[in-house]
Amino acid sequence: MNKQSMFHQLALIEEKVGGLYEEIGHLKNAMLELMEENKNLLLENQHLRERLQQREIELEKKEKLQSSVIKTRKDKKKRLVVGEGYDNLARLYQEGFHICNVHYGSVRTDGDCLFCLAFLNKQG
């Protein structure tokens, strides 16, 4: 092997190593970009999870508040309906009518009816 061919082969190897070195540099830069992007995505994911958790807590509080408001409204309506019915029955009894299930609607002639009084006391 002569010196010139050795020198030529050495130049080719040096050129290939240079190309590999350049390719390794590009891969290294791409890897750094991917690592940075991954870190940013992990941070964004964490922030989104925190926001989602806060939103779920807010929605749970809102639903509990709405259900308690609805329940309160239903309870008030129920109390009003029961109160109105009781008042109507008491008024009918005071006007002299039976409100018991035995003589309902008939006129009371003999004074107070024990069945009606028991019914009124049970309702109150």
N, C-alpha and C. Protein backbone atom coordinates (compact mmCIF):
# COMPACT_ATOMS: atom_id res chain seq x y z
N MET A 1 0.83 -1.16 0.00
CA MET A 1 0.00 0.00 0.00
C MET A 1 0.89 1.25 0.00
N ASN A 2 0.60 2.09 -0.91
CA ASN A 2 1.45 3.27 -0.96
C ASN A 2 0.91 4.37 -0.07
N LYS A 3 1.71 5.35 0.14
CA LYS A 3 1.38 6.41 1.08
C LYS A 3 0.19 7.23 0.61
N GLN A 4 0.10 7.42 -0.67
CA GLN A 4 -0.99 8.23 -1.20
C GLN A 4 -2.33 7.54 -1.01
N SER A 5 -2.42 6.25 -1.23
CA SER A 5 -3.68 5.53 -1.03
C SER A 5 -4.03 5.48 0.45
N MET A 6 -3.02 5.35 1.32
CA MET A 6 -3.28 5.38 2.76
C MET A 6 -3.83 6.75 3.16
N PHE A 7 -3.22 7.76 2.61
CA PHE A 7 -3.67 9.11 2.92
C PHE A 7 -5.10 9.32 2.43
N HIS A 8 -5.40 8.79 1.24
CA HIS A 8 -6.74 8.91 0.67
C HIS A 8 -7.76 8.17 1.55
N GLN A 9 -7.43 6.95 2.00
CA GLN A 9 -8.32 6.18 2.87
C GLN A 9 -8.52 6.90 4.21
N LEU A 10 -7.44 7.44 4.72
CA LEU A 10 -7.54 8.19 5.97
C LEU A 10 -8.43 9.41 5.80
N ALA A 11 -8.35 10.08 4.67
CA ALA A 11 -9.20 11.24 4.39
C ALA A 11 -10.66 10.81 4.30
N LEU A 12 -10.92 9.63 3.66
CA LEU A 12 -12.29 9.12 3.56
C LEU A 12 -12.85 8.79 4.95
N ILE A 13 -12.05 8.14 5.78
CA ILE A 13 -12.48 7.80 7.14
C ILE A 13 -12.76 9.08 7.92
N GLU A 14 -11.88 10.06 7.76
CA GLU A 14 -12.06 11.33 8.46
C GLU A 14 -13.36 12.00 8.01
N GLU A 15 -13.65 11.93 6.72
CA GLU A 15 -14.88 12.51 6.18
C GLU A 15 -16.10 11.79 6.74
N LYS A 16 -16.04 10.45 6.80
CA LYS A 16 -17.16 9.67 7.35
C LYS A 16 -17.36 9.98 8.84
N VAL A 17 -16.26 10.07 9.59
CA VAL A 17 -16.35 10.40 11.02
C VAL A 17 -16.94 11.80 11.19
N GLY A 18 -16.53 12.72 10.34
CA GLY A 18 -17.08 14.08 10.40
C GLY A 18 -18.58 14.07 10.14
N GLY A 19 -18.99 13.27 9.13
CA GLY A 19 -20.43 13.16 8.84
C GLY A 19 -21.19 12.55 10.02
N LEU A 20 -20.59 11.50 10.61
CA LEU A 20 -21.22 10.87 11.78
C LEU A 20 -21.30 11.86 12.94
N TYR A 21 -20.22 12.62 13.13
CA TYR A 21 -20.20 13.60 14.21
C TYR A 21 -21.30 14.64 14.00
N GLU A 22 -21.45 15.08 12.75
CA GLU A 22 -22.49 16.06 12.42
C GLU A 22 -23.88 15.46 12.65
N GLU A 23 -24.06 14.22 12.24
CA GLU A 23 -25.34 13.53 12.43
C GLU A 23 -25.64 13.35 13.92
N ILE A 24 -24.61 13.01 14.70
CA ILE A 24 -24.79 12.89 16.15
C ILE A 24 -25.19 14.24 16.74
N GLY A 25 -24.60 15.31 16.26
CA GLY A 25 -24.95 16.65 16.73
C GLY A 25 -26.42 16.98 16.44
N HIS A 26 -26.89 16.64 15.22
CA HIS A 26 -28.29 16.87 14.87
C HIS A 26 -29.22 16.05 15.76
N LEU A 27 -28.84 14.77 15.97
CA LEU A 27 -29.66 13.91 16.83
C LEU A 27 -29.69 14.44 18.27
N LYS A 28 -28.55 14.94 18.72
CA LYS A 28 -28.47 15.49 20.07
C LYS A 28 -29.39 16.71 20.20
N ASN A 29 -29.36 17.59 19.21
CA ASN A 29 -30.23 18.77 19.23
C ASN A 29 -31.71 18.38 19.18
N ALA A 30 -32.02 17.39 18.33
CA ALA A 30 -33.41 16.92 18.25
C ALA A 30 -33.85 16.32 19.59
N MET A 31 -32.95 15.57 20.22
CA MET A 31 -33.26 14.96 21.52
C MET A 31 -33.50 16.04 22.57
N LEU A 32 -32.67 17.10 22.57
CA LEU A 32 -32.86 18.19 23.52
C LEU A 32 -34.20 18.89 23.30
N GLU A 33 -34.56 19.11 22.03
CA GLU A 33 -35.85 19.73 21.73
C GLU A 33 -37.00 18.85 22.23
N LEU A 34 -36.90 17.54 21.99
CA LEU A 34 -37.94 16.62 22.45
C LEU A 34 -38.05 16.59 23.97
N MET A 35 -36.90 16.62 24.64
CA MET A 35 -36.91 16.61 26.10
C MET A 35 -37.55 17.90 26.65
N GLU A 36 -37.23 19.02 26.02
CA GLU A 36 -37.81 20.29 26.45
C GLU A 36 -39.33 20.31 26.20
N GLU A 37 -39.73 19.82 25.03
CA GLU A 37 -41.16 19.75 24.71
C GLU A 37 -41.89 18.82 25.69
N ASN A 38 -41.26 17.69 26.02
CA ASN A 38 -41.84 16.75 26.97
C ASN A 38 -42.03 17.41 28.34
N LYS A 39 -41.01 18.15 28.77
CA LYS A 39 -41.10 18.84 30.06
C LYS A 39 -42.24 19.85 30.06
N ASN A 40 -42.34 20.62 28.97
CA ASN A 40 -43.42 21.60 28.86
C ASN A 40 -44.79 20.93 28.85
N LEU A 41 -44.90 19.81 28.15
CA LEU A 41 -46.17 19.09 28.11
C LEU A 41 -46.53 18.51 29.47
N LEU A 42 -45.53 18.02 30.20
CA LEU A 42 -45.79 17.51 31.55
C LEU A 42 -46.29 18.62 32.47
N LEU A 43 -45.67 19.80 32.38
CA LEU A 43 -46.12 20.94 33.19
C LEU A 43 -47.53 21.36 32.82
N GLU A 44 -47.78 21.43 31.52
CA GLU A 44 -49.12 21.82 31.06
C GLU A 44 -50.15 20.79 31.51
N ASN A 45 -49.81 19.51 31.42
CA ASN A 45 -50.71 18.44 31.86
C ASN A 45 -51.01 18.57 33.34
N GLN A 46 -49.98 18.86 34.13
CA GLN A 46 -50.17 19.02 35.58
C GLN A 46 -51.11 20.20 35.86
N HIS A 47 -50.89 21.32 35.17
CA HIS A 47 -51.75 22.49 35.37
C HIS A 47 -53.20 22.19 34.97
N LEU A 48 -53.35 21.47 33.86
CA LEU A 48 -54.70 21.13 33.41
C LEU A 48 -55.40 20.20 34.40
N ARG A 49 -54.65 19.25 34.96
CA ARG A 49 -55.24 18.35 35.97
C ARG A 49 -55.68 19.14 37.20
N GLU A 50 -54.85 20.10 37.62
CA GLU A 50 -55.19 20.93 38.78
C GLU A 50 -56.44 21.75 38.50
N ARG A 51 -56.51 22.34 37.31
CA ARG A 51 -57.69 23.12 36.94
C ARG A 51 -58.93 22.25 36.87
N LEU A 52 -58.78 21.03 36.32
CA LEU A 52 -59.90 20.10 36.24
C LEU A 52 -60.38 19.72 37.64
N GLN A 53 -59.45 19.46 38.52
CA GLN A 53 -59.80 19.10 39.90
C GLN A 53 -60.53 20.26 40.59
N GLN A 54 -60.02 21.48 40.40
CA GLN A 54 -60.69 22.65 40.98
C GLN A 54 -62.09 22.81 40.39
N ARG A 55 -62.21 22.59 39.11
CA ARG A 55 -63.52 22.71 38.44
C ARG A 55 -64.49 21.67 38.98
N GLU A 56 -64.01 20.44 39.17
CA GLU A 56 -64.87 19.39 39.71
C GLU A 56 -65.33 19.74 41.12
N ILE A 57 -64.42 20.28 41.93
CA ILE A 57 -64.79 20.68 43.30
C ILE A 57 -65.84 21.80 43.25
N GLU A 58 -65.63 22.77 42.35
CA GLU A 58 -66.60 23.86 42.22
C GLU A 58 -67.95 23.34 41.78
N LEU A 59 -67.96 22.40 40.82
CA LEU A 59 -69.22 21.83 40.35
C LEU A 59 -69.92 21.04 41.45
N GLU A 60 -69.15 20.28 42.25
CA GLU A 60 -69.75 19.54 43.35
C GLU A 60 -70.39 20.49 44.35
N LYS A 61 -69.68 21.58 44.68
CA LYS A 61 -70.23 22.56 45.61
C LYS A 61 -71.50 23.18 45.03
N LYS A 62 -71.47 23.50 43.74
CA LYS A 62 -72.62 24.11 43.09
C LYS A 62 -73.80 23.15 43.08
N GLU A 63 -73.54 21.86 42.77
CA GLU A 63 -74.61 20.86 42.76
C GLU A 63 -75.19 20.67 44.15
N LYS A 64 -74.33 20.62 45.18
CA LYS A 64 -74.83 20.48 46.55
C LYS A 64 -75.69 21.68 46.92
N LEU A 65 -75.23 22.87 46.55
CA LEU A 65 -75.99 24.08 46.86
C LEU A 65 -77.34 24.06 46.15
N GLN A 66 -77.32 23.68 44.86
CA GLN A 66 -78.57 23.63 44.10
C GLN A 66 -79.51 22.58 44.68
N SER A 67 -78.98 21.41 45.03
CA SER A 67 -79.85 20.37 45.59
C SER A 67 -80.41 20.80 46.93
N SER A 68 -79.61 21.50 47.74
CA SER A 68 -80.13 21.96 49.03
C SER A 68 -81.18 23.04 48.82
N VAL A 69 -80.98 23.91 47.82
CA VAL A 69 -81.98 24.94 47.52
C VAL A 69 -83.27 24.29 47.04
N ILE A 70 -83.15 23.30 46.16
CA ILE A 70 -84.33 22.60 45.65
C ILE A 70 -85.04 21.89 46.78
N LYS A 71 -84.27 21.22 47.65
CA LYS A 71 -84.86 20.51 48.78
C LYS A 71 -85.57 21.50 49.70
N THR A 72 -84.95 22.64 49.95
CA THR A 72 -85.56 23.66 50.81
C THR A 72 -86.86 24.16 50.19
N ARG A 73 -86.85 24.39 48.88
CA ARG A 73 -88.07 24.84 48.20
C ARG A 73 -89.17 23.79 48.30
N LYS A 74 -88.79 22.51 48.08
CA LYS A 74 -89.79 21.44 48.18
C LYS A 74 -90.33 21.34 49.59
N ASP A 75 -89.45 21.45 50.58
CA ASP A 75 -89.89 21.39 51.98
C ASP A 75 -90.84 22.54 52.29
N LYS A 76 -90.52 23.75 51.80
CA LYS A 76 -91.39 24.89 52.03
C LYS A 76 -92.76 24.68 51.38
N LYS A 77 -92.74 24.19 50.13
CA LYS A 77 -94.01 23.93 49.44
C LYS A 77 -94.80 22.86 50.18
N LYS A 78 -94.11 21.82 50.62
CA LYS A 78 -94.78 20.74 51.33
C LYS A 78 -95.40 21.27 52.62
N ARG A 79 -94.64 22.09 53.34
CA ARG A 79 -95.16 22.66 54.57
C ARG A 79 -96.35 23.57 54.29
N LEU A 80 -96.27 24.34 53.19
CA LEU A 80 -97.39 25.21 52.85
C LEU A 80 -98.63 24.41 52.52
N VAL A 81 -98.45 23.34 51.72
CA VAL A 81 -99.59 22.52 51.33
C VAL A 81 -100.20 21.86 52.55
N VAL A 82 -99.37 21.26 53.40
CA VAL A 82 -99.87 20.62 54.60
C VAL A 82 -100.52 21.66 55.49
N GLY A 83 -99.92 22.81 55.63
CA GLY A 83 -100.47 23.88 56.46
C GLY A 83 -101.81 24.38 55.94
N GLU A 84 -101.93 24.56 54.63
CA GLU A 84 -103.18 25.03 54.04
C GLU A 84 -104.29 24.00 54.23
N GLY A 85 -103.97 22.73 54.01
CA GLY A 85 -104.97 21.68 54.18
C GLY A 85 -105.45 21.59 55.61
N TYR A 86 -104.50 21.65 56.52
CA TYR A 86 -104.86 21.60 57.95
C TYR A 86 -105.73 22.80 58.31
N ASP A 87 -105.35 23.97 57.83
CA ASP A 87 -106.15 25.17 58.11
C ASP A 87 -107.56 25.04 57.54
N ASN A 88 -107.67 24.50 56.34
CA ASN A 88 -108.99 24.32 55.73
C ASN A 88 -109.85 23.36 56.54
N LEU A 89 -109.24 22.24 56.98
CA LEU A 89 -110.00 21.28 57.78
C LEU A 89 -110.41 21.88 59.12
N ALA A 90 -109.50 22.62 59.75
CA ALA A 90 -109.83 23.26 61.03
C ALA A 90 -110.95 24.27 60.84
N ARG A 91 -110.92 25.02 59.74
CA ARG A 91 -111.97 25.99 59.45
C ARG A 91 -113.32 25.30 59.25
N LEU A 92 -113.30 24.19 58.49
CA LEU A 92 -114.55 23.43 58.28
C LEU A 92 -115.10 22.92 59.61
N TYR A 93 -114.22 22.44 60.48
CA TYR A 93 -114.66 21.93 61.77
C TYR A 93 -115.26 23.06 62.61
N GLN A 94 -114.63 24.23 62.59
CA GLN A 94 -115.14 25.37 63.35
C GLN A 94 -116.48 25.85 62.80
N GLU A 95 -116.71 25.65 61.50
CA GLU A 95 -117.98 26.05 60.90
C GLU A 95 -119.09 25.04 61.19
N GLY A 96 -118.72 23.90 61.83
CA GLY A 96 -119.76 22.97 62.26
C GLY A 96 -119.88 21.72 61.41
N PHE A 97 -118.85 21.38 60.64
CA PHE A 97 -118.89 20.17 59.81
C PHE A 97 -117.93 19.12 60.34
N HIS A 98 -118.28 17.85 60.11
CA HIS A 98 -117.38 16.76 60.47
C HIS A 98 -116.22 16.71 59.47
N ILE A 99 -115.02 16.44 59.98
CA ILE A 99 -113.85 16.25 59.11
C ILE A 99 -113.26 14.86 59.28
N CYS A 100 -113.86 14.05 60.12
CA CYS A 100 -113.37 12.69 60.34
C CYS A 100 -113.83 11.79 59.20
N ASN A 101 -113.21 10.63 59.08
CA ASN A 101 -113.56 9.72 57.98
C ASN A 101 -114.89 9.00 58.24
N VAL A 102 -115.41 9.08 59.46
CA VAL A 102 -116.67 8.41 59.78
C VAL A 102 -117.87 9.22 59.28
N HIS A 103 -117.86 10.53 59.53
CA HIS A 103 -119.02 11.38 59.20
C HIS A 103 -118.62 12.56 58.33
N TYR A 104 -117.61 12.43 57.50
CA TYR A 104 -117.04 13.56 56.76
C TYR A 104 -118.12 14.33 55.99
N GLY A 105 -118.12 15.64 56.19
CA GLY A 105 -119.00 16.52 55.44
C GLY A 105 -120.37 16.72 56.05
N SER A 106 -120.78 15.89 56.98
CA SER A 106 -122.10 16.08 57.58
C SER A 106 -122.02 17.13 58.68
N VAL A 107 -123.17 17.73 59.00
CA VAL A 107 -123.23 18.79 60.00
C VAL A 107 -123.12 18.18 61.39
N ARG A 108 -122.31 18.83 62.26
CA ARG A 108 -122.19 18.37 63.64
C ARG A 108 -123.37 18.95 64.43
N THR A 109 -124.14 18.06 65.06
CA THR A 109 -125.30 18.53 65.83
C THR A 109 -125.11 18.32 67.32
N ASP A 110 -124.29 17.38 67.70
CA ASP A 110 -124.16 17.02 69.11
C ASP A 110 -122.90 17.60 69.75
N GLY A 111 -122.41 18.72 69.32
CA GLY A 111 -121.20 19.31 69.91
C GLY A 111 -119.94 18.76 69.25
N ASP A 112 -118.91 18.60 70.05
CA ASP A 112 -117.62 18.15 69.51
C ASP A 112 -117.66 16.66 69.18
N CYS A 113 -116.93 16.30 68.11
CA CYS A 113 -116.80 14.90 67.69
C CYS A 113 -115.40 14.42 68.06
N LEU A 114 -115.34 13.32 68.81
CA LEU A 114 -114.04 12.80 69.23
C LEU A 114 -113.18 12.36 68.05
N PHE A 115 -113.82 11.81 67.01
CA PHE A 115 -113.08 11.39 65.82
C PHE A 115 -112.44 12.59 65.12
N CYS A 116 -113.21 13.66 64.98
CA CYS A 116 -112.69 14.88 64.34
C CYS A 116 -111.55 15.49 65.15
N LEU A 117 -111.74 15.54 66.48
CA LEU A 117 -110.70 16.11 67.33
C LEU A 117 -109.42 15.28 67.28
N ALA A 118 -109.58 13.96 67.27
CA ALA A 118 -108.40 13.09 67.16
C ALA A 118 -107.70 13.33 65.83
N PHE A 119 -108.50 13.48 64.77
CA PHE A 119 -107.93 13.73 63.45
C PHE A 119 -107.18 15.06 63.43
N LEU A 120 -107.76 16.11 64.00
CA LEU A 120 -107.09 17.42 64.05
C LEU A 120 -105.82 17.36 64.88
N ASN A 121 -105.86 16.66 66.00
CA ASN A 121 -104.67 16.56 66.85
C ASN A 121 -103.58 15.75 66.17
N LYS A 122 -103.98 14.73 65.41
CA LYS A 122 -103.00 13.91 64.69
C LYS A 122 -102.34 14.73 63.59
N GLN A 123 -103.08 15.57 62.89
CA GLN A 123 -102.55 16.38 61.80
C GLN A 123 -101.64 17.48 62.32
N GLY A 124 -101.93 18.04 63.46
CA GLY A 124 -101.16 19.16 63.99
C GLY A 124 -99.87 18.66 64.51
